[in-house]
C-alpha atoms as a PDB file:
ATOM      1  CA  MET A   1       6.545  25.152  27.403  1.00  0.00           C
ATOM      2  CA  GLU A   2       4.167  23.200  25.328  1.00  0.00           C
ATOM      3  CA  SER A   3       3.623  19.507  25.029  1.00  0.00           C
ATOM      4  CA  ALA A   4       4.435  18.068  21.793  1.00  0.00           C
ATOM      5  CA  HIS A   5       0.987  16.802  19.424  1.00  0.00           C
ATOM      6  CA  THR A   6       0.583  13.935  16.876  1.00  0.00           C
ATOM      7  CA  TYR A   7      -1.752  14.749  13.978  1.00  0.00           C
ATOM      8  CA  LYS A   8      -2.598  11.999  11.404  1.00  0.00           C
ATOM      9  CA  LEU A   9      -2.727  13.402   7.896  1.00  0.00           C
ATOM     10  CA  SER A  10      -4.893  10.785   5.388  1.00  0.00           C
ATOM     11  CA  ASN A  11      -7.602  11.131   3.634  1.00  0.00           C
ATOM     12  CA  PRO A  12     -10.747   9.557   4.670  1.00  0.00           C
ATOM     13  CA  ILE A  13     -12.059   8.911   1.375  1.00  0.00           C
ATOM     14  CA  ALA A  14      -9.005   7.523   0.210  1.00  0.00           C
ATOM     15  CA  GLU A  15     -10.445   3.732   0.988  1.00  0.00           C
ATOM     16  CA  ILE A  16      -9.558   1.248  -1.450  1.00  0.00           C
ATOM     17  CA  LYS A  17     -10.162  -2.918  -2.017  1.00  0.00           C
ATOM     18  CA  ILE A  18      -6.415  -4.710  -2.322  1.00  0.00           C
ATOM     19  CA  CYS A  19      -7.189  -5.484  -5.813  1.00  0.00           C
ATOM     20  CA  ASP A  20      -8.211  -2.360  -6.587  1.00  0.00           C
ATOM     21  CA  LEU A  21      -4.786  -0.577  -5.311  1.00  0.00           C
ATOM     22  CA  ALA A  22      -3.159  -3.740  -7.178  1.00  0.00           C
ATOM     23  CA  SER A  23      -4.511  -2.011 -10.392  1.00  0.00           C
ATOM     24  CA  LEU A  24      -3.917   1.538  -9.342  1.00  0.00           C
ATOM     25  CA  VAL A  25       0.140   0.489  -8.717  1.00  0.00           C
ATOM     26  CA  ALA A  26      -0.320  -1.462 -12.318  1.00  0.00           C
ATOM     27  CA  ASP A  27      -1.696   1.933 -14.030  1.00  0.00           C
ATOM     28  CA  VAL A  28       0.397   4.454 -12.171  1.00  0.00           C
ATOM     29  CA  THR A  29       3.676   2.603 -13.396  1.00  0.00           C
ATOM     30  CA  ASP A  30       2.763   1.617 -16.418  1.00  0.00           C
ATOM     31  CA  SER A  31       2.881  -1.972 -16.021  1.00  0.00           C
ATOM     32  CA  HIS A  32       0.929  -4.468 -17.955  1.00  0.00           C
ATOM     33  CA  LEU A  33       0.017  -6.691 -15.079  1.00  0.00           C
ATOM     34  CA  GLU A  34      -2.914  -8.452 -15.154  1.00  0.00           C
ATOM     35  CA  VAL A  35      -4.928  -7.898 -11.897  1.00  0.00           C
ATOM     36  CA  TYR A  36      -6.974 -11.479 -11.017  1.00  0.00           C
ATOM     37  CA  ALA A  37      -9.452 -11.619  -8.642  1.00  0.00           C
ATOM     38  CA  GLY A  38     -11.540 -13.660  -7.456  1.00  0.00           C
ATOM     39  CA  THR A  39     -11.417 -17.546  -6.948  1.00  0.00           C
ATOM     40  CA  ASN A  40      -8.848 -19.986  -8.777  1.00  0.00           C
ATOM     41  CA  PRO A  41      -9.697 -23.287  -8.529  1.00  0.00           C
ATOM     42  CA  ASP A  42      -5.838 -24.074  -9.301  1.00  0.00           C
ATOM     43  CA  LEU A  43      -4.704 -22.377  -5.940  1.00  0.00           C
ATOM     44  CA  LYS A  44      -4.975 -24.480  -2.550  1.00  0.00           C
ATOM     45  CA  PRO A  45      -7.905 -23.629  -0.358  1.00  0.00           C
ATOM     46  CA  GLY A  46      -7.018 -22.018   3.098  1.00  0.00           C
ATOM     47  CA  PHE A  47      -7.326 -18.584   2.077  1.00  0.00           C
ATOM     48  CA  MET A  48      -8.542 -17.082   5.937  1.00  0.00           C
ATOM     49  CA  PRO A  49     -11.189 -13.783   5.319  1.00  0.00           C
ATOM     50  CA  SER A  50      -9.228 -10.660   6.822  1.00  0.00           C
ATOM     51  CA  THR A  51      -9.406 -10.004  10.728  1.00  0.00           C
ATOM     52  CA  VAL A  52      -8.568  -6.561   9.883  1.00  0.00           C
ATOM     53  CA  PRO A  53     -11.669  -4.454  10.406  1.00  0.00           C
ATOM     54  CA  LYS A  54     -12.699  -1.478   8.303  1.00  0.00           C
ATOM     55  CA  LEU A  55      -9.803   1.316   9.205  1.00  0.00           C
ATOM     56  CA  LEU A  56     -11.003   4.453   8.602  1.00  0.00           C
ATOM     57  CA  PRO A  57      -8.678   7.564   9.951  1.00  0.00           C
ATOM     58  CA  ILE A  58     -10.107  10.282  12.325  1.00  0.00           C
ATOM     59  CA  ILE A  59      -8.865  13.942  11.620  1.00  0.00           C
ATOM     60  CA  ALA A  60     -10.357  16.059  13.241  1.00  0.00           C
ATOM     61  CA  LYS A  61      -7.777  17.190  15.247  1.00  0.00           C
ATOM     62  CA  VAL A  62      -5.844  18.109  12.451  1.00  0.00           C
ATOM     63  CA  GLN A  63      -9.031  19.746  10.487  1.00  0.00           C
ATOM     64  CA  ALA A  64      -8.845  22.204  13.796  1.00  0.00           C
ATOM     65  CA  LEU A  65      -6.344  23.656  12.640  1.00  0.00           C
ATOM     66  CA  GLY A  66      -7.585  24.283   8.973  1.00  0.00           C
ATOM     67  CA  TRP A  67      -6.315  21.269   7.326  1.00  0.00           C
ATOM     68  CA  GLU A  68      -8.131  19.615   4.859  1.00  0.00           C
ATOM     69  CA  PRO A  69      -7.013  16.500   2.599  1.00  0.00           C
ATOM     70  CA  ALA A  70      -6.520  18.011  -0.925  1.00  0.00           C
ATOM     71  CA  VAL A  71      -4.708  14.959  -2.942  1.00  0.00           C
ATOM     72  CA  ASP A  72      -6.668  11.876  -4.301  1.00  0.00           C
ATOM     73  CA  LEU A  73      -5.230   8.305  -3.638  1.00  0.00           C
ATOM     74  CA  TYR A  74      -4.213   7.967  -7.435  1.00  0.00           C
ATOM     75  CA  ASP A  75      -2.175  11.886  -7.420  1.00  0.00           C
ATOM     76  CA  GLY A  76      -0.916  10.652  -4.008  1.00  0.00           C
ATOM     77  CA  PHE A  77       0.912   7.401  -5.229  1.00  0.00           C
ATOM     78  CA  LYS A  78       1.974   8.996  -8.812  1.00  0.00           C
ATOM     79  CA  ARG A  79       3.798  11.709  -6.366  1.00  0.00           C
ATOM     80  CA  ILE A  80       5.210   9.010  -3.565  1.00  0.00           C
ATOM     81  CA  LEU A  81       6.528   7.185  -6.939  1.00  0.00           C
ATOM     82  CA  PHE A  82       7.778  10.148  -9.153  1.00  0.00           C
ATOM     83  CA  SER A  83       9.505  11.232  -5.831  1.00  0.00           C
ATOM     84  CA  TRP A  84      10.766   7.825  -5.310  1.00  0.00           C
ATOM     85  CA  LEU A  85      12.346   7.381  -8.904  1.00  0.00           C
ATOM     86  CA  CYS A  86      14.195  10.705  -8.219  1.00  0.00           C
ATOM     87  CA  LEU A  87      15.534  10.093  -5.511  1.00  0.00           C
ATOM     88  CA  ASN A  88      16.713   6.089  -6.598  1.00  0.00           C
ATOM     89  CA  THR A  89      17.631   6.841  -9.912  1.00  0.00           C
ATOM     90  CA  THR A  90      21.404   7.525 -10.536  1.00  0.00           C
ATOM     91  CA  SER A  91      22.030   9.642 -13.806  1.00  0.00           C
END
């Protein structure tokens, strides 16, 4: 019997900054949120820089099977939101 395998399904070119992700969420949800990025003198100091290194997925294993990413981040997020709304909206 063949052992089980795990595969990472992601799009390595879909890297995005948190501020840009917030803007994407505001756009996809048609909310009129104002996304603010930068420093604000009214906020308390003390934000620390991210300790998370750049995380780009390695998808070579699944690409060897012929799979390639086909959905960009914006469309993927819209699909997830639509799916969630369909599952969580009562008629």
